[in-house]
């Protein structure tokens, strides 16, 4: 375990960030099914490095409410602009795809839709309900935008009873302007997580590192998340989608990610996934299962 996270300027991607090209038949089955059902995934839109691995295992993070975002975050590869009206049958199509893939754990996210009165919260709720009605026993995790801090929108999603409610803090407070977000939105995101927890949800968040943050700033963000009673955490390496996006300031080593995981666990997170290729929904089912085992263990000890 390292004792410090030194500053460094990246030259080229290190070997631990290399990924395999897709070759498994399941990858192409998932790709074809998504096209047939007219569905988007964040795997494609955000250029996720794990797409070959996840699709080969018949897992995907569904992207609802279209594939055009109304915000212009400097780290994100998702297209920005004026989106089309939501596709009314999208919840049913997502539920059908979950059934066809034989998923027991589904992850749903969306672009940010500031053009909609509820930010798309009703579509999240409808999609959760459609999936659970279509496939008995399936677990659903949602990765939501901040809904402009609208508590009523958040409550819509919460009432649909997602198994995990995820909202990413993304980076440290000082760097919010760097990613083209107002600094006050950092606290808005923390408030979303706090309110979600108060509504009875298991909460989750994510940090991407490599944008120029300092170690003490990462630790401050971990502390802020725990003060908001966030249960689960992912920490991953920021990768620049194009030359038009914010540059990578540092590539963290796998050992450094392990170091940060230890710090996060010491803060009291129930589970942490930390690694160069970790993303918000990477091995999400594993985190959920780990959490359930810990809860079961606690209950057995009490009995």
Protein backbone atom coordinates (compact mmCIF):
# COMPACT_ATOMS: atom_id res chain seq x y z
CA UNK A 1 0.00 0.00 0.00
CA UNK A 2 1.38 3.42 -0.96
CA UNK A 3 1.52 6.28 1.49
CA UNK A 4 1.12 9.11 -0.98
CA UNK A 5 -0.42 9.94 -4.35
CA UNK A 6 2.29 11.90 -6.19
CA UNK A 7 1.52 14.44 -8.87
CA UNK A 8 2.58 13.46 -12.38
CA UNK A 9 1.97 14.45 -15.98
CA UNK A 10 0.72 11.63 -18.21
CA UNK A 11 2.54 10.75 -21.41
CA UNK A 12 0.62 7.79 -22.78
CA UNK A 13 -1.90 5.33 -21.45
CA UNK A 14 -0.20 2.75 -19.21
CA UNK A 15 -0.44 -0.96 -19.94
CA UNK A 16 -3.06 -1.58 -17.24
CA UNK A 17 -5.60 0.47 -19.21
CA UNK A 18 -5.47 -1.75 -22.28
CA UNK A 19 -8.68 -3.70 -23.04
CA UNK A 20 -9.52 -6.57 -25.36
CA UNK A 21 -11.50 -6.13 -28.57
CA UNK A 22 -14.94 -7.79 -28.63
CA UNK A 23 -15.02 -11.34 -30.00
CA UNK A 24 -17.54 -13.32 -27.90
CA UNK A 25 -20.84 -14.17 -29.60
CA UNK A 26 -22.76 -12.69 -26.67
CA UNK A 27 -21.31 -9.28 -27.48
CA UNK A 28 -22.89 -9.35 -30.92
CA UNK A 29 -26.16 -10.77 -29.55
CA UNK A 30 -26.42 -7.84 -27.12
CA UNK A 31 -25.54 -5.37 -29.87
CA UNK A 32 -28.18 -6.78 -32.23
CA UNK A 33 -30.87 -6.90 -29.51
CA UNK A 34 -30.25 -3.28 -28.53
CA UNK A 35 -30.64 -2.22 -32.16
CA UNK A 36 -33.81 -4.28 -32.54
CA UNK A 37 -35.38 -2.77 -29.42
CA UNK A 38 -34.18 0.73 -30.41
CA UNK A 39 -32.32 1.14 -27.13
CA UNK A 40 -29.29 3.17 -26.13
CA UNK A 41 -26.63 2.25 -23.61
CA UNK A 42 -24.19 4.41 -21.70
CA UNK A 43 -21.62 1.78 -22.71
CA UNK A 44 -21.76 3.12 -26.26
CA UNK A 45 -22.56 6.78 -25.65
CA UNK A 46 -19.83 7.29 -23.03
CA UNK A 47 -17.28 5.08 -24.83
CA UNK A 48 -16.88 2.80 -21.81
CA UNK A 49 -13.67 0.73 -21.92
CA UNK A 50 -15.48 -2.27 -20.41
CA UNK A 51 -18.07 -2.67 -23.16
CA UNK A 52 -16.55 -5.86 -24.60
CA UNK A 53 -16.31 -7.52 -21.18
CA UNK A 54 -19.78 -6.52 -20.03
CA UNK A 55 -21.67 -7.26 -23.24
CA UNK A 56 -19.94 -10.62 -23.52
CA UNK A 57 -21.50 -11.38 -20.11
CA UNK A 58 -24.89 -10.14 -21.33
CA UNK A 59 -24.82 -7.09 -19.10
CA UNK A 60 -25.38 -3.51 -20.19
CA UNK A 61 -26.30 -0.19 -18.63
CA UNK A 62 -29.41 1.06 -20.40
CA UNK A 63 -29.50 4.74 -21.33
CA UNK A 64 -33.06 6.08 -21.30
CA UNK A 65 -34.52 9.41 -22.46
CA UNK A 66 -32.52 9.43 -25.67
CA UNK A 67 -28.81 9.88 -26.31
CA UNK A 68 -28.49 13.68 -26.37
CA UNK A 69 -27.75 15.52 -23.13
CA UNK A 70 -28.87 19.06 -22.30
CA UNK A 71 -25.69 19.76 -20.33
CA UNK A 72 -22.12 20.07 -21.55
CA UNK A 73 -19.87 18.41 -18.98
CA UNK A 74 -16.25 18.58 -20.08
CA UNK A 75 -15.46 14.96 -19.19
CA UNK A 76 -18.35 13.22 -20.91
CA UNK A 77 -18.47 11.71 -24.41
CA UNK A 78 -22.29 11.74 -24.59
CA UNK A 79 -23.55 14.03 -27.36
CA UNK A 80 -24.80 17.45 -26.25
CA UNK A 81 -27.60 19.47 -27.80
CA UNK A 82 -31.36 19.68 -28.09
CA UNK A 83 -32.88 16.23 -27.49
CA UNK A 84 -35.99 14.77 -29.09
CA UNK A 85 -39.12 14.08 -27.02
CA UNK A 86 -38.87 10.87 -24.97
CA UNK A 87 -39.92 7.63 -26.67
CA UNK A 88 -43.19 6.68 -24.84
CA UNK A 89 -42.68 2.92 -25.14
CA UNK A 90 -39.07 3.00 -23.99
CA UNK A 91 -39.75 1.53 -20.50
CA UNK A 92 -41.46 -1.50 -22.06
CA UNK A 93 -38.62 -1.96 -24.55
CA UNK A 94 -36.01 -1.84 -21.77
CA UNK A 95 -38.03 -4.38 -19.79
CA UNK A 96 -38.17 -6.65 -22.84
CA UNK A 97 -34.41 -6.41 -23.36
CA UNK A 98 -33.77 -7.25 -19.70
CA UNK A 99 -35.94 -10.34 -20.15
CA UNK A 100 -34.26 -11.37 -23.42
CA UNK A 101 -30.79 -11.04 -21.88
CA UNK A 102 -31.89 -13.09 -18.89
CA UNK A 103 -30.64 -10.41 -16.51
CA UNK A 104 -31.09 -10.76 -12.77
CA UNK A 105 -29.62 -7.30 -12.21
CA UNK A 106 -30.33 -4.31 -14.44
CA UNK A 107 -28.76 -0.85 -14.40
CA UNK A 108 -30.65 2.14 -15.79
CA UNK A 109 -29.22 5.60 -16.36
CA UNK A 110 -30.08 8.57 -18.54
CA UNK A 111 -28.82 11.68 -20.19
CA UNK A 112 -29.66 14.84 -18.25
CA UNK A 113 -32.97 16.25 -19.49
CA UNK A 114 -33.26 19.77 -18.11
CA UNK A 115 -35.88 20.39 -20.82
CA UNK A 116 -38.39 18.11 -19.06
CA UNK A 117 -40.46 19.40 -16.15
CA UNK A 118 -39.47 16.48 -13.90
CA UNK A 119 -36.05 15.93 -15.44
CA UNK A 120 -37.21 12.52 -16.67
CA UNK A 121 -37.94 11.15 -13.19
CA UNK A 122 -41.27 9.68 -14.30
CA UNK A 123 -39.48 7.67 -17.00
CA UNK A 124 -37.09 6.25 -14.44
CA UNK A 125 -40.06 5.23 -12.29
CA UNK A 126 -41.93 3.70 -15.22
CA UNK A 127 -38.84 1.79 -16.36
CA UNK A 128 -38.20 0.34 -12.88
CA UNK A 129 -41.84 -0.77 -12.66
CA UNK A 130 -41.88 -2.20 -16.19
CA UNK A 131 -38.75 -4.27 -15.56
CA UNK A 132 -40.01 -5.69 -12.26
CA UNK A 133 -43.43 -6.46 -13.71
CA UNK A 134 -41.88 -8.20 -16.73
CA UNK A 135 -39.24 -10.26 -14.87
CA UNK A 136 -39.93 -11.51 -11.36
CA UNK A 137 -37.06 -11.17 -8.92
CA UNK A 138 -34.87 -8.92 -11.04
CA UNK A 139 -32.97 -6.21 -9.15
CA UNK A 140 -32.77 -2.70 -10.56
CA UNK A 141 -30.11 -0.05 -9.96
CA UNK A 142 -30.66 3.47 -11.24
CA UNK A 143 -27.95 6.04 -11.92
CA UNK A 144 -29.82 9.34 -11.88
CA UNK A 145 -28.99 12.96 -12.75
CA UNK A 146 -29.53 15.63 -10.10
CA UNK A 147 -33.01 16.67 -11.38
CA UNK A 148 -31.90 20.26 -10.57
CA UNK A 149 -32.25 19.32 -6.91
CA UNK A 150 -36.02 18.78 -7.25
CA UNK A 151 -37.06 16.64 -4.25
CA UNK A 152 -40.43 15.76 -5.83
CA UNK A 153 -38.67 14.32 -8.89
CA UNK A 154 -36.36 12.32 -6.65
CA UNK A 155 -39.36 11.05 -4.70
CA UNK A 156 -40.96 9.78 -7.93
CA UNK A 157 -37.96 7.56 -8.52
CA UNK A 158 -37.77 6.49 -4.90
CA UNK A 159 -41.44 5.40 -4.82
CA UNK A 160 -40.70 2.93 -7.63
CA UNK A 161 -38.35 1.20 -5.18
CA UNK A 162 -35.04 0.80 -7.01
CA UNK A 163 -32.74 -1.65 -5.26
CA UNK A 164 -29.83 0.80 -5.49
CA UNK A 165 -30.06 4.55 -6.13
CA UNK A 166 -26.83 5.88 -7.62
CA UNK A 167 -25.88 9.50 -8.23
CA UNK A 168 -22.30 10.36 -9.10
CA UNK A 169 -20.42 13.14 -7.35
CA UNK A 170 -17.89 12.79 -10.21
CA UNK A 171 -14.97 14.87 -8.87
CA UNK A 172 -13.81 17.14 -6.06
CA UNK A 173 -15.47 20.47 -5.31
CA UNK A 174 -12.59 22.62 -6.57
CA UNK A 175 -12.61 20.90 -9.97
CA UNK A 176 -16.32 21.35 -10.68
CA UNK A 177 -15.69 24.46 -12.84
CA UNK A 178 -13.07 22.45 -14.76
CA UNK A 179 -15.73 19.92 -15.79
CA UNK A 180 -18.11 22.75 -16.72
CA UNK A 181 -20.34 22.48 -13.68
CA UNK A 182 -21.14 25.30 -11.23
CA UNK A 183 -19.28 24.76 -7.98
CA UNK A 184 -22.55 24.81 -6.02
CA UNK A 185 -23.70 21.72 -7.93
CA UNK A 186 -21.20 19.72 -5.87
CA UNK A 187 -23.33 20.37 -2.80
CA UNK A 188 -26.52 19.82 -4.79
CA UNK A 189 -25.32 16.31 -5.65
CA UNK A 190 -24.50 15.61 -2.01
CA UNK A 191 -27.99 16.80 -1.09
CA UNK A 192 -29.52 14.44 -3.66
CA UNK A 193 -27.73 11.52 -2.03
CA UNK A 194 -28.69 12.66 1.47
CA UNK A 195 -32.38 13.03 0.55
CA UNK A 196 -32.37 9.69 -1.28
CA UNK A 197 -31.04 8.03 1.87
CA UNK A 198 -33.67 9.74 3.99
CA UNK A 199 -36.29 8.31 1.62
CA UNK A 200 -35.05 4.82 2.51
CA UNK A 201 -32.84 4.03 -0.47
CA UNK A 202 -29.53 2.21 -0.54
CA UNK A 203 -27.31 4.90 -2.05
CA UNK A 204 -24.24 4.79 -4.23
CA UNK A 205 -21.92 7.33 -5.81
CA UNK A 206 -18.82 7.50 -7.97
CA UNK A 207 -15.63 9.50 -8.31
CA UNK A 208 -13.35 9.73 -11.33
CA UNK A 209 -9.77 10.69 -10.62
CA UNK A 210 -6.98 11.96 -12.82
CA UNK A 211 -8.34 15.46 -13.50
CA UNK A 212 -5.79 17.20 -11.30
CA UNK A 213 -7.27 16.64 -7.86
CA UNK A 214 -5.07 16.49 -4.77
CA UNK A 215 -5.11 13.60 -2.33
CA UNK A 216 -6.57 15.73 0.44
CA UNK A 217 -9.37 16.80 -1.90
CA UNK A 218 -10.25 13.17 -2.64
CA UNK A 219 -10.33 12.49 1.10
CA UNK A 220 -12.57 15.53 1.61
CA UNK A 221 -14.99 14.18 -1.00
CA UNK A 222 -15.02 10.76 0.68
CA UNK A 223 -15.83 12.48 3.95
CA UNK A 224 -18.58 14.56 2.32
CA UNK A 225 -20.15 11.45 0.80
CA UNK A 226 -20.17 9.64 4.13
CA UNK A 227 -21.69 12.70 5.82
CA UNK A 228 -24.49 12.30 3.25
CA UNK A 229 -24.76 8.64 4.41
CA UNK A 230 -23.72 7.24 1.02
CA UNK A 231 -23.49 3.43 1.25
CA UNK A 232 -21.51 2.32 -1.81
CA UNK A 233 -18.72 3.90 -3.85
CA UNK A 234 -16.88 3.44 -7.14
CA UNK A 235 -13.54 5.09 -7.94
CA UNK A 236 -12.16 4.96 -11.48
CA UNK A 237 -9.58 6.55 -13.76
CA UNK A 238 -10.75 9.48 -15.88
CA UNK A 239 -10.02 8.88 -19.56
CA UNK A 240 -10.19 11.74 -22.03
CA UNK A 241 -12.82 10.89 -24.70
CA UNK A 242 -11.33 13.33 -27.25
CA UNK A 243 -8.99 16.30 -27.53
CA UNK A 244 -12.03 18.54 -27.03
CA UNK A 245 -12.56 17.22 -23.50
CA UNK A 246 -10.74 17.94 -20.24
CA UNK A 247 -7.21 16.47 -20.32
CA UNK A 248 -5.92 13.67 -18.11
CA UNK A 249 -3.52 15.12 -15.53
CA UNK A 250 -2.49 11.84 -13.92
CA UNK A 251 -2.78 8.11 -14.48
CA UNK A 252 -3.16 6.38 -11.13
CA UNK A 253 -1.59 2.95 -10.64
CA UNK A 254 -3.60 -0.09 -9.52
CA UNK A 255 -1.73 0.12 -6.20
CA UNK A 256 -2.88 3.70 -5.70
CA UNK A 257 -6.47 2.65 -6.37
CA UNK A 258 -6.11 -0.04 -3.70
CA UNK A 259 -4.79 2.60 -1.32
CA UNK A 260 -7.83 4.81 -1.96
CA UNK A 261 -10.15 1.83 -1.51
CA UNK A 262 -8.68 1.24 1.94
CA UNK A 263 -9.19 4.88 2.89
CA UNK A 264 -12.80 4.79 1.65
CA UNK A 265 -13.57 1.63 3.59
CA UNK A 266 -12.10 3.25 6.70
CA UNK A 267 -14.59 6.08 6.23
CA UNK A 268 -17.37 3.51 6.56
CA UNK A 269 -18.58 2.79 3.02
CA UNK A 270 -20.25 -0.62 3.00
CA UNK A 271 -18.45 -1.62 -0.20
CA UNK A 272 -16.02 0.02 -2.62
CA UNK A 273 -14.92 -0.82 -6.16
CA UNK A 274 -11.71 1.03 -6.98
CA UNK A 275 -9.54 0.49 -10.04
CA UNK A 276 -8.32 2.04 -13.30
CA UNK A 277 -11.21 0.66 -15.39
CA UNK A 278 -13.93 0.85 -12.73
CA UNK A 279 -17.02 2.75 -13.85
CA UNK A 280 -20.30 3.55 -12.09
CA UNK A 281 -22.03 0.32 -13.03
CA UNK A 282 -18.98 -1.93 -13.36
CA UNK A 283 -19.74 -5.19 -11.54
CA UNK A 284 -22.74 -3.47 -9.97
CA UNK A 285 -24.39 -6.82 -9.26
CA UNK A 286 -21.29 -7.90 -7.34
CA UNK A 287 -21.50 -4.85 -5.07
CA UNK A 288 -25.20 -5.46 -4.49
CA UNK A 289 -24.63 -9.12 -3.61
CA UNK A 290 -21.75 -8.21 -1.30
CA UNK A 291 -23.97 -5.71 0.48
CA UNK A 292 -26.75 -8.27 0.92
CA UNK A 293 -24.30 -10.81 2.37
CA UNK A 294 -23.07 -8.24 4.89
CA UNK A 295 -26.65 -7.36 5.88
CA UNK A 296 -27.48 -11.04 6.27
CA UNK A 297 -24.38 -11.57 8.40
CA UNK A 298 -25.33 -8.69 10.69
CA UNK A 299 -28.89 -10.01 11.05
CA UNK A 300 -27.61 -13.50 11.92
CA UNK A 301 -25.29 -12.04 14.56
CA UNK A 302 -28.20 -10.14 16.12
CA UNK A 303 -30.33 -13.31 16.19
